[in-house]
Amino acid sequence: MAMVSATIPQNTRHISKMLTEHIGNNADIKERIGPGKISGKIAGWPLVFYNSESRITANRVLLVGDAAGLINPLSGDGIQYALLSARWASETLDAAITRNDFSEVRLNTYREKVDQELGFDFALSNMLVQFSRNKTLTPVWMSILRIMIARSKDDPAYADTIAGIFEGTYPSHQALNLPFILKTLLQGGKEMAVAPLSELWNNPAGFARSKSELSDTVMQILKNIKNDPKDQARWLLNVTRSGISVAGHILGSLGR
């Protein structure tokens, strides 16, 4: 179980309680555990997401996996990045041993490899996370998720991509290819145009109620923005920064 540090309860016993209740109430987990019981105490540790400005190399030092912050902010996964970084670190060290040179300059080839292979994906994931942190726009994010879920029901390849991105087995930039974007837009058009017309025909009262709820949601969003403009400005600034980072990776890849 993972939590954002800013929202961790003061009483950490609440976290253990949440975890044990989740294990006890989730049918899938209960089926996998079977008659198993907790052995020992529940422990946790803070994890830091990837930061392209942080140092992961120094003289005679290489950081891999969680120690290097190689955790995808979108999925929270890191095991695949730990394995990849271990391989790249071993390749860098093999060359360093051959030359008997373990200086930061020599070991920095490892950092360059990490940035080249993972930097873009982490930057894109961070931008997506920044978008969703604006709770004022939660109805918008939920509508987007509903569109993706609706498409996934009829499109196994699309569903596989969505599942892979959220579980960390596929890179986030797989959602940037043209077929995936077009499928999402087409499904969005269907949800916003075809479905409402069908509802209007079959259930006029329900259609009117949904339109009223949509109007109320829009008004609530505008009210929240008006009441807390500083928070909205901070959110916009963070989104802009992460967007600039993504653009930098795209331009860098075009230059290679």
C-alpha atoms as a PDB file:
ATOM      1  CA  MET A   1       0.000   0.000   0.000  1.00  0.00           C
ATOM      2  CA  ALA A   2       1.300   3.445  -0.879  1.00  0.00           C
ATOM      3  CA  MET A   3       0.352   6.949   0.231  1.00  0.00           C
ATOM      4  CA  VAL A   4       1.432  10.448  -0.750  1.00  0.00           C
ATOM      5  CA  SER A   5       3.614  11.814   2.055  1.00  0.00           C
ATOM      6  CA  ALA A   6       1.545  14.985   2.402  1.00  0.00           C
ATOM      7  CA  THR A   7      -1.563  12.959   3.292  1.00  0.00           C
ATOM      8  CA  ILE A   8      -0.072  10.408   5.703  1.00  0.00           C
ATOM      9  CA  PRO A   9      -2.077  10.439   8.981  1.00  0.00           C
ATOM     10  CA  GLN A  10      -0.343  11.697  12.119  1.00  0.00           C
ATOM     11  CA  ASN A  11      -1.235   8.417  13.775  1.00  0.00           C
ATOM     12  CA  THR A  12       0.599   5.856  11.643  1.00  0.00           C
ATOM     13  CA  ARG A  13      -1.445   3.045  13.184  1.00  0.00           C
ATOM     14  CA  HIS A  14      -4.226   4.139  10.830  1.00  0.00           C
ATOM     15  CA  ILE A  15      -2.081   3.017   7.898  1.00  0.00           C
ATOM     16  CA  SER A  16      -1.599  -0.480   9.314  1.00  0.00           C
ATOM     17  CA  LYS A  17      -5.331  -0.677   9.998  1.00  0.00           C
ATOM     18  CA  MET A  18      -6.150   0.347   6.426  1.00  0.00           C
ATOM     19  CA  LEU A  19      -3.786  -2.303   5.056  1.00  0.00           C
ATOM     20  CA  THR A  20      -5.119  -5.134   7.228  1.00  0.00           C
ATOM     21  CA  GLU A  21      -8.729  -4.181   6.442  1.00  0.00           C
ATOM     22  CA  HIS A  22      -7.950  -4.125   2.726  1.00  0.00           C
ATOM     23  CA  ILE A  23      -6.350  -7.565   2.929  1.00  0.00           C
ATOM     24  CA  GLY A  24      -9.296  -8.888   4.919  1.00  0.00           C
ATOM     25  CA  ASN A  25     -12.012  -7.439   2.678  1.00  0.00           C
ATOM     26  CA  ASN A  26     -10.556  -7.869  -0.810  1.00  0.00           C
ATOM     27  CA  ALA A  27     -11.754 -11.178  -2.266  1.00  0.00           C
ATOM     28  CA  ASP A  28      -8.893 -11.456  -4.778  1.00  0.00           C
ATOM     29  CA  ILE A  29      -6.236 -10.941  -2.103  1.00  0.00           C
ATOM     30  CA  LYS A  30      -7.956 -13.339   0.293  1.00  0.00           C
ATOM     31  CA  GLU A  31      -8.011 -16.002  -2.423  1.00  0.00           C
ATOM     32  CA  ARG A  32      -4.262 -15.627  -3.060  1.00  0.00           C
ATOM     33  CA  ILE A  33      -3.306 -15.607   0.634  1.00  0.00           C
ATOM     34  CA  GLY A  34      -5.648 -18.426   1.600  1.00  0.00           C
ATOM     35  CA  PRO A  35      -5.129 -19.434   5.246  1.00  0.00           C
ATOM     36  CA  GLY A  36      -1.939 -17.372   5.498  1.00  0.00           C
ATOM     37  CA  LYS A  37      -1.417 -15.094   8.514  1.00  0.00           C
ATOM     38  CA  ILE A  38       0.695 -11.974   9.056  1.00  0.00           C
ATOM     39  CA  SER A  39       4.136 -12.882  10.404  1.00  0.00           C
ATOM     40  CA  GLY A  40       6.093 -10.079  12.037  1.00  0.00           C
ATOM     41  CA  LYS A  41       5.192  -6.396  12.036  1.00  0.00           C
ATOM     42  CA  ILE A  42       4.063  -4.211   9.157  1.00  0.00           C
ATOM     43  CA  ALA A  43       6.862  -1.908   7.991  1.00  0.00           C
ATOM     44  CA  GLY A  44       7.142   0.931   5.499  1.00  0.00           C
ATOM     45  CA  TRP A  45       9.686   3.281   3.986  1.00  0.00           C
ATOM     46  CA  PRO A  46       9.533   6.591   2.078  1.00  0.00           C
ATOM     47  CA  LEU A  47      10.070   6.311  -1.676  1.00  0.00           C
ATOM     48  CA  VAL A  48      11.260   9.216  -3.807  1.00  0.00           C
ATOM     49  CA  PHE A  49      10.118   9.582  -7.406  1.00  0.00           C
ATOM     50  CA  TYR A  50      12.613  10.133 -10.188  1.00  0.00           C
ATOM     51  CA  ASN A  51      14.142  13.596 -10.450  1.00  0.00           C
ATOM     52  CA  SER A  52      16.305  14.332 -13.486  1.00  0.00           C
ATOM     53  CA  GLU A  53      18.271  16.877 -11.446  1.00  0.00           C
ATOM     54  CA  SER A  54      19.224  14.521  -8.609  1.00  0.00           C
ATOM     55  CA  ARG A  55      22.686  12.927  -8.442  1.00  0.00           C
ATOM     56  CA  ILE A  56      22.806   9.167  -8.927  1.00  0.00           C
ATOM     57  CA  THR A  57      26.551   8.936  -9.642  1.00  0.00           C
ATOM     58  CA  ALA A  58      29.679  10.140  -7.849  1.00  0.00           C
ATOM     59  CA  ASN A  59      33.289   9.004  -7.487  1.00  0.00           C
ATOM     60  CA  ARG A  60      33.095   5.211  -6.941  1.00  0.00           C
ATOM     61  CA  VAL A  61      29.303   5.405  -6.436  1.00  0.00           C
ATOM     62  CA  LEU A  62      26.321   4.310  -8.536  1.00  0.00           C
ATOM     63  CA  LEU A  63      22.710   4.359  -7.302  1.00  0.00           C
ATOM     64  CA  VAL A  64      20.218   1.886  -8.756  1.00  0.00           C
ATOM     65  CA  GLY A  65      16.537   1.115  -8.272  1.00  0.00           C
ATOM     66  CA  ASP A  66      14.716   2.835  -5.419  1.00  0.00           C
ATOM     67  CA  ALA A  67      17.948   4.420  -4.188  1.00  0.00           C
ATOM     68  CA  ALA A  68      18.117   6.323  -7.499  1.00  0.00           C
ATOM     69  CA  GLY A  69      14.429   7.246  -7.326  1.00  0.00           C
ATOM     70  CA  LEU A  70      13.570   5.013 -10.272  1.00  0.00           C
ATOM     71  CA  ILE A  71       9.882   4.793  -9.439  1.00  0.00           C
ATOM     72  CA  ASN A  72       7.168   5.654 -11.939  1.00  0.00           C
ATOM     73  CA  PRO A  73       4.937   8.368 -10.384  1.00  0.00           C
ATOM     74  CA  LEU A  74       1.936   7.181 -12.399  1.00  0.00           C
ATOM     75  CA  SER A  75       1.968   3.523 -11.368  1.00  0.00           C
ATOM     76  CA  GLY A  76       4.178   3.577  -8.258  1.00  0.00           C
ATOM     77  CA  ASP A  77       6.084   0.614  -9.678  1.00  0.00           C
ATOM     78  CA  GLY A  78       9.846   0.256  -9.596  1.00  0.00           C
ATOM     79  CA  ILE A  79      10.967  -3.378  -9.817  1.00  0.00           C
ATOM     80  CA  GLN A  80      11.383  -3.326 -13.602  1.00  0.00           C
ATOM     81  CA  TYR A  81      13.410  -0.114 -13.382  1.00  0.00           C
ATOM     82  CA  ALA A  82      15.533  -1.619 -10.623  1.00  0.00           C
ATOM     83  CA  LEU A  83      16.394  -4.570 -12.862  1.00  0.00           C
ATOM     84  CA  LEU A  84      17.119  -2.355 -15.871  1.00  0.00           C
ATOM     85  CA  SER A  85      19.289   0.041 -13.868  1.00  0.00           C
ATOM     86  CA  ALA A  86      21.218  -2.882 -12.364  1.00  0.00           C
ATOM     87  CA  ARG A  87      22.018  -4.105 -15.861  1.00  0.00           C
ATOM     88  CA  TRP A  88      23.125  -0.650 -17.026  1.00  0.00           C
ATOM     89  CA  ALA A  89      25.186  -0.184 -13.857  1.00  0.00           C
ATOM     90  CA  SER A  90      26.952  -3.519 -14.385  1.00  0.00           C
ATOM     91  CA  GLU A  91      27.771  -2.567 -17.985  1.00  0.00           C
ATOM     92  CA  THR A  92      29.170   0.781 -16.804  1.00  0.00           C
ATOM     93  CA  LEU A  93      31.215  -0.891 -14.060  1.00  0.00           C
ATOM     94  CA  ASP A  94      32.555  -3.502 -16.453  1.00  0.00           C
ATOM     95  CA  ALA A  95      33.994  -0.715 -18.614  1.00  0.00           C
ATOM     96  CA  ALA A  96      35.254   1.134 -15.516  1.00  0.00           C
ATOM     97  CA  ILE A  97      37.086  -1.983 -14.253  1.00  0.00           C
ATOM     98  CA  THR A  98      38.730  -2.474 -17.636  1.00  0.00           C
ATOM     99  CA  ARG A  99      40.057   1.103 -17.532  1.00  0.00           C
ATOM    100  CA  ASN A 100      40.582   1.136 -13.750  1.00  0.00           C
ATOM    101  CA  ASP A 101      38.696   4.427 -13.703  1.00  0.00           C
ATOM    102  CA  PHE A 102      35.853   4.847 -11.205  1.00  0.00           C
ATOM    103  CA  SER A 103      35.608   8.631 -11.355  1.00  0.00           C
ATOM    104  CA  GLU A 104      32.247  10.400 -11.555  1.00  0.00           C
ATOM    105  CA  VAL A 105      33.053  11.446 -15.114  1.00  0.00           C
ATOM    106  CA  ARG A 106      33.517   7.809 -16.173  1.00  0.00           C
ATOM    107  CA  LEU A 107      30.494   6.549 -14.234  1.00  0.00           C
ATOM    108  CA  ASN A 108      28.303   9.327 -15.618  1.00  0.00           C
ATOM    109  CA  THR A 109      27.706   7.174 -18.701  1.00  0.00           C
ATOM    110  CA  TYR A 110      25.314   5.250 -16.451  1.00  0.00           C
ATOM    111  CA  ARG A 111      23.399   8.451 -15.683  1.00  0.00           C
ATOM    112  CA  GLU A 112      23.200   9.262 -19.380  1.00  0.00           C
ATOM    113  CA  LYS A 113      21.796   5.808 -20.077  1.00  0.00           C
ATOM    114  CA  VAL A 114      19.128   6.178 -17.376  1.00  0.00           C
ATOM    115  CA  ASP A 115      18.080   9.583 -18.722  1.00  0.00           C
ATOM    116  CA  GLN A 116      18.009   8.303 -22.291  1.00  0.00           C
ATOM    117  CA  GLU A 117      15.952   5.198 -21.554  1.00  0.00           C
ATOM    118  CA  LEU A 118      13.659   6.349 -18.736  1.00  0.00           C
ATOM    119  CA  GLY A 119      13.687  10.149 -18.605  1.00  0.00           C
ATOM    120  CA  PHE A 120      10.928  10.735 -21.156  1.00  0.00           C
ATOM    121  CA  ASP A 121       8.606   8.107 -19.709  1.00  0.00           C
ATOM    122  CA  PHE A 122       9.012   9.412 -16.154  1.00  0.00           C
ATOM    123  CA  ALA A 123       8.526  13.023 -17.292  1.00  0.00           C
ATOM    124  CA  LEU A 124       5.292  12.096 -19.096  1.00  0.00           C
ATOM    125  CA  SER A 125       4.014  10.107 -16.109  1.00  0.00           C
ATOM    126  CA  ASN A 126       4.775  13.033 -13.818  1.00  0.00           C
ATOM    127  CA  MET A 127       2.835  15.394 -16.083  1.00  0.00           C
ATOM    128  CA  LEU A 128      -0.194  13.085 -16.021  1.00  0.00           C
ATOM    129  CA  VAL A 129       0.002  12.912 -12.229  1.00  0.00           C
ATOM    130  CA  GLN A 130       0.256  16.714 -12.006  1.00  0.00           C
ATOM    131  CA  PHE A 131      -2.926  17.037 -14.068  1.00  0.00           C
ATOM    132  CA  SER A 132      -4.883  14.734 -11.766  1.00  0.00           C
ATOM    133  CA  ARG A 133      -3.765  16.533  -8.587  1.00  0.00           C
ATOM    134  CA  ASN A 134      -6.284  19.307  -9.225  1.00  0.00           C
ATOM    135  CA  LYS A 135      -9.241  17.959  -7.245  1.00  0.00           C
ATOM    136  CA  THR A 136     -11.449  20.743  -8.592  1.00  0.00           C
ATOM    137  CA  LEU A 137     -11.351  18.981 -11.953  1.00  0.00           C
ATOM    138  CA  THR A 138     -12.071  15.509 -10.536  1.00  0.00           C
ATOM    139  CA  PRO A 139     -15.341  15.248 -12.543  1.00  0.00           C
ATOM    140  CA  VAL A 140     -13.327  15.841 -15.722  1.00  0.00           C
ATOM    141  CA  TRP A 141     -10.741  13.177 -14.849  1.00  0.00           C
ATOM    142  CA  MET A 142     -13.511  10.710 -13.987  1.00  0.00           C
ATOM    143  CA  SER A 143     -15.190  11.375 -17.349  1.00  0.00           C
ATOM    144  CA  ILE A 144     -11.905  10.662 -19.135  1.00  0.00           C
ATOM    145  CA  LEU A 145     -11.523   7.407 -17.193  1.00  0.00           C
ATOM    146  CA  ARG A 146     -15.081   6.399 -18.094  1.00  0.00           C
ATOM    147  CA  ILE A 147     -14.310   7.012 -21.768  1.00  0.00           C
ATOM    148  CA  MET A 148     -11.170   4.855 -21.544  1.00  0.00           C
ATOM    149  CA  ILE A 149     -13.015   2.081 -19.710  1.00  0.00           C
ATOM    150  CA  ALA A 150     -15.829   2.124 -22.269  1.00  0.00           C
ATOM    151  CA  ARG A 151     -13.312   1.786 -25.107  1.00  0.00           C
ATOM    152  CA  SER A 152     -11.452  -0.980 -23.280  1.00  0.00           C
ATOM    153  CA  LYS A 153     -14.602  -3.106 -23.078  1.00  0.00           C
ATOM    154  CA  ASP A 154     -14.728  -3.452 -26.859  1.00  0.00           C
ATOM    155  CA  ASP A 155     -11.034  -3.155 -27.752  1.00  0.00           C
ATOM    156  CA  PRO A 156      -8.682  -5.740 -26.158  1.00  0.00           C
ATOM    157  CA  ALA A 157      -5.537  -4.101 -27.586  1.00  0.00           C
ATOM    158  CA  TYR A 158      -6.567  -0.722 -26.170  1.00  0.00           C
ATOM    159  CA  ALA A 159      -7.384  -2.325 -22.811  1.00  0.00           C
ATOM    160  CA  ASP A 160      -3.999  -4.057 -22.779  1.00  0.00           C
ATOM    161  CA  THR A 161      -2.225  -0.732 -23.303  1.00  0.00           C
ATOM    162  CA  ILE A 162      -4.204   0.981 -20.535  1.00  0.00           C
ATOM    163  CA  ALA A 163      -3.590  -1.866 -18.078  1.00  0.00           C
ATOM    164  CA  GLY A 164       0.095  -2.038 -18.979  1.00  0.00           C
ATOM    165  CA  ILE A 165       0.638   1.685 -18.408  1.00  0.00           C
ATOM    166  CA  PHE A 166      -1.110   1.722 -15.042  1.00  0.00           C
ATOM    167  CA  GLU A 167       0.618  -1.412 -13.777  1.00  0.00           C
ATOM    168  CA  GLY A 168       4.002  -0.227 -15.021  1.00  0.00           C
ATOM    169  CA  THR A 169       4.764  -2.948 -17.577  1.00  0.00           C
ATOM    170  CA  TYR A 170       4.333  -0.615 -20.564  1.00  0.00           C
ATOM    171  CA  PRO A 171       5.969   2.823 -20.920  1.00  0.00           C
ATOM    172  CA  SER A 172       3.576   5.763 -20.546  1.00  0.00           C
ATOM    173  CA  HIS A 173       4.487   7.155 -23.949  1.00  0.00           C
ATOM    174  CA  GLN A 174       2.657   4.232 -25.591  1.00  0.00           C
ATOM    175  CA  ALA A 175      -0.454   6.358 -25.024  1.00  0.00           C
ATOM    176  CA  LEU A 176       0.991   9.047 -27.315  1.00  0.00           C
ATOM    177  CA  ASN A 177       0.832   7.065 -30.545  1.00  0.00           C
ATOM    178  CA  LEU A 178      -1.705   8.269 -33.121  1.00  0.00           C
ATOM    179  CA  PRO A 179      -3.962   5.140 -33.182  1.00  0.00           C
ATOM    180  CA  PHE A 180      -4.372   5.212 -29.383  1.00  0.00           C
ATOM    181  CA  ILE A 181      -5.186   8.946 -29.358  1.00  0.00           C
ATOM    182  CA  LEU A 182      -7.678   8.597 -32.228  1.00  0.00           C
ATOM    183  CA  LYS A 183      -9.442   5.694 -30.504  1.00  0.00           C
ATOM    184  CA  THR A 184      -9.768   7.763 -27.319  1.00  0.00           C
ATOM    185  CA  LEU A 185     -11.112  10.800 -29.194  1.00  0.00           C
ATOM    186  CA  LEU A 186     -13.589   8.690 -31.178  1.00  0.00           C
ATOM    187  CA  GLN A 187     -14.845   7.050 -27.999  1.00  0.00           C
ATOM    188  CA  GLY A 188     -15.119  10.467 -26.351  1.00  0.00           C
ATOM    189  CA  GLY A 189     -17.196  11.738 -29.259  1.00  0.00           C
ATOM    190  CA  LYS A 190     -19.428   8.695 -29.003  1.00  0.00           C
ATOM    191  CA  GLU A 191     -19.904   9.150 -25.264  1.00  0.00           C
ATOM    192  CA  MET A 192     -20.639  12.871 -25.542  1.00  0.00           C
ATOM    193  CA  ALA A 193     -22.838  12.800 -28.658  1.00  0.00           C
ATOM    194  CA  VAL A 194     -24.333   9.392 -29.498  1.00  0.00           C
ATOM    195  CA  ALA A 195     -25.036   8.244 -25.933  1.00  0.00           C
ATOM    196  CA  PRO A 196     -26.868  11.467 -24.896  1.00  0.00           C
ATOM    197  CA  LEU A 197     -29.066  11.306 -28.035  1.00  0.00           C
ATOM    198  CA  SER A 198     -29.978   7.726 -27.237  1.00  0.00           C
ATOM    199  CA  GLU A 199     -30.802   8.699 -23.658  1.00  0.00           C
ATOM    200  CA  LEU A 200     -32.907  11.629 -24.880  1.00  0.00           C
ATOM    201  CA  TRP A 201     -34.940   9.249 -27.029  1.00  0.00           C
ATOM    202  CA  ASN A 202     -35.361   6.478 -24.464  1.00  0.00           C
ATOM    203  CA  ASN A 203     -35.389   8.437 -21.193  1.00  0.00           C
ATOM    204  CA  PRO A 204     -36.090  12.176 -21.580  1.00  0.00           C
ATOM    205  CA  ALA A 205     -36.358  12.722 -17.807  1.00  0.00           C
ATOM    206  CA  GLY A 206     -32.994  11.061 -17.194  1.00  0.00           C
ATOM    207  CA  PHE A 207     -31.425  13.101 -19.998  1.00  0.00           C
ATOM    208  CA  ALA A 208     -32.659  16.368 -18.479  1.00  0.00           C
ATOM    209  CA  ARG A 209     -31.370  15.321 -15.059  1.00  0.00           C
ATOM    210  CA  SER A 210     -27.902  14.462 -16.416  1.00  0.00           C
ATOM    211  CA  LYS A 211     -27.691  17.814 -18.235  1.00  0.00           C
ATOM    212  CA  SER A 212     -28.635  19.595 -15.013  1.00  0.00           C
ATOM    213  CA  GLU A 213     -25.937  17.665 -13.126  1.00  0.00           C
ATOM    214  CA  LEU A 214     -23.394  18.620 -15.793  1.00  0.00           C
ATOM    215  CA  SER A 215     -24.327  22.286 -15.431  1.00  0.00           C
ATOM    216  CA  ASP A 216     -23.994  22.051 -11.633  1.00  0.00           C
ATOM    217  CA  THR A 217     -20.555  20.428 -12.005  1.00  0.00           C
ATOM    218  CA  VAL A 218     -19.317  23.192 -14.307  1.00  0.00           C
ATOM    219  CA  MET A 219     -20.589  25.872 -11.926  1.00  0.00           C
ATOM    220  CA  GLN A 220     -18.902  24.135  -8.979  1.00  0.00           C
ATOM    221  CA  ILE A 221     -15.590  23.981 -10.856  1.00  0.00           C
ATOM    222  CA  LEU A 222     -15.782  27.715 -11.634  1.00  0.00           C
ATOM    223  CA  LYS A 223     -16.679  28.460  -8.006  1.00  0.00           C
ATOM    224  CA  ASN A 224     -13.701  26.476  -6.695  1.00  0.00           C
ATOM    225  CA  ILE A 225     -11.344  28.275  -9.068  1.00  0.00           C
ATOM    226  CA  LYS A 226     -12.694  31.640  -7.937  1.00  0.00           C
ATOM    227  CA  ASN A 227     -12.462  30.753  -4.232  1.00  0.00           C
ATOM    228  CA  ASP A 228      -8.882  29.459  -4.362  1.00  0.00           C
ATOM    229  CA  PRO A 229      -7.030  31.130  -7.265  1.00  0.00           C
ATOM    230  CA  LYS A 230      -3.589  30.712  -5.640  1.00  0.00           C
ATOM    231  CA  ASP A 231      -3.956  26.953  -5.410  1.00  0.00           C
ATOM    232  CA  GLN A 232      -5.121  26.815  -9.023  1.00  0.00           C
ATOM    233  CA  ALA A 233      -2.154  28.969 -10.074  1.00  0.00           C
ATOM    234  CA  ARG A 234       0.280  26.610  -8.281  1.00  0.00           C
ATOM    235  CA  TRP A 235      -1.304  23.657 -10.027  1.00  0.00           C
ATOM    236  CA  LEU A 236      -1.031  25.354 -13.404  1.00  0.00           C
ATOM    237  CA  LEU A 237       2.616  26.210 -12.726  1.00  0.00           C
ATOM    238  CA  ASN A 238       3.446  22.589 -11.843  1.00  0.00           C
ATOM    239  CA  VAL A 239       1.656  21.325 -14.958  1.00  0.00           C
ATOM    240  CA  THR A 240       3.556  23.862 -17.075  1.00  0.00           C
ATOM    241  CA  ARG A 241       6.900  22.802 -15.590  1.00  0.00           C
ATOM    242  CA  SER A 242       6.221  19.134 -16.195  1.00  0.00           C
ATOM    243  CA  GLY A 243       5.018  19.954 -19.718  1.00  0.00           C
ATOM    244  CA  ILE A 244       8.268  21.789 -20.438  1.00  0.00           C
ATOM    245  CA  SER A 245      10.197  18.759 -19.214  1.00  0.00           C
ATOM    246  CA  VAL A 246       8.244  16.460 -21.555  1.00  0.00           C
ATOM    247  CA  ALA A 247       8.775  18.861 -24.467  1.00  0.00           C
ATOM    248  CA  GLY A 248      12.504  18.895 -23.718  1.00  0.00           C
ATOM    249  CA  HIS A 249      12.686  15.109 -23.975  1.00  0.00           C
ATOM    250  CA  ILE A 250      10.729  15.128 -27.234  1.00  0.00           C
ATOM    251  CA  LEU A 251      13.008  17.754 -28.765  1.00  0.00           C
ATOM    252  CA  GLY A 252      16.048  15.859 -27.508  1.00  0.00           C
ATOM    253  CA  SER A 253      14.873  12.646 -29.153  1.00  0.00           C
ATOM    254  CA  LEU A 254      14.332  14.485 -32.447  1.00  0.00           C
ATOM    255  CA  GLY A 255      17.883  15.791 -32.272  1.00  0.00           C
ATOM    256  CA  ARG A 256      19.361  12.309 -31.833  1.00  0.00           C
END
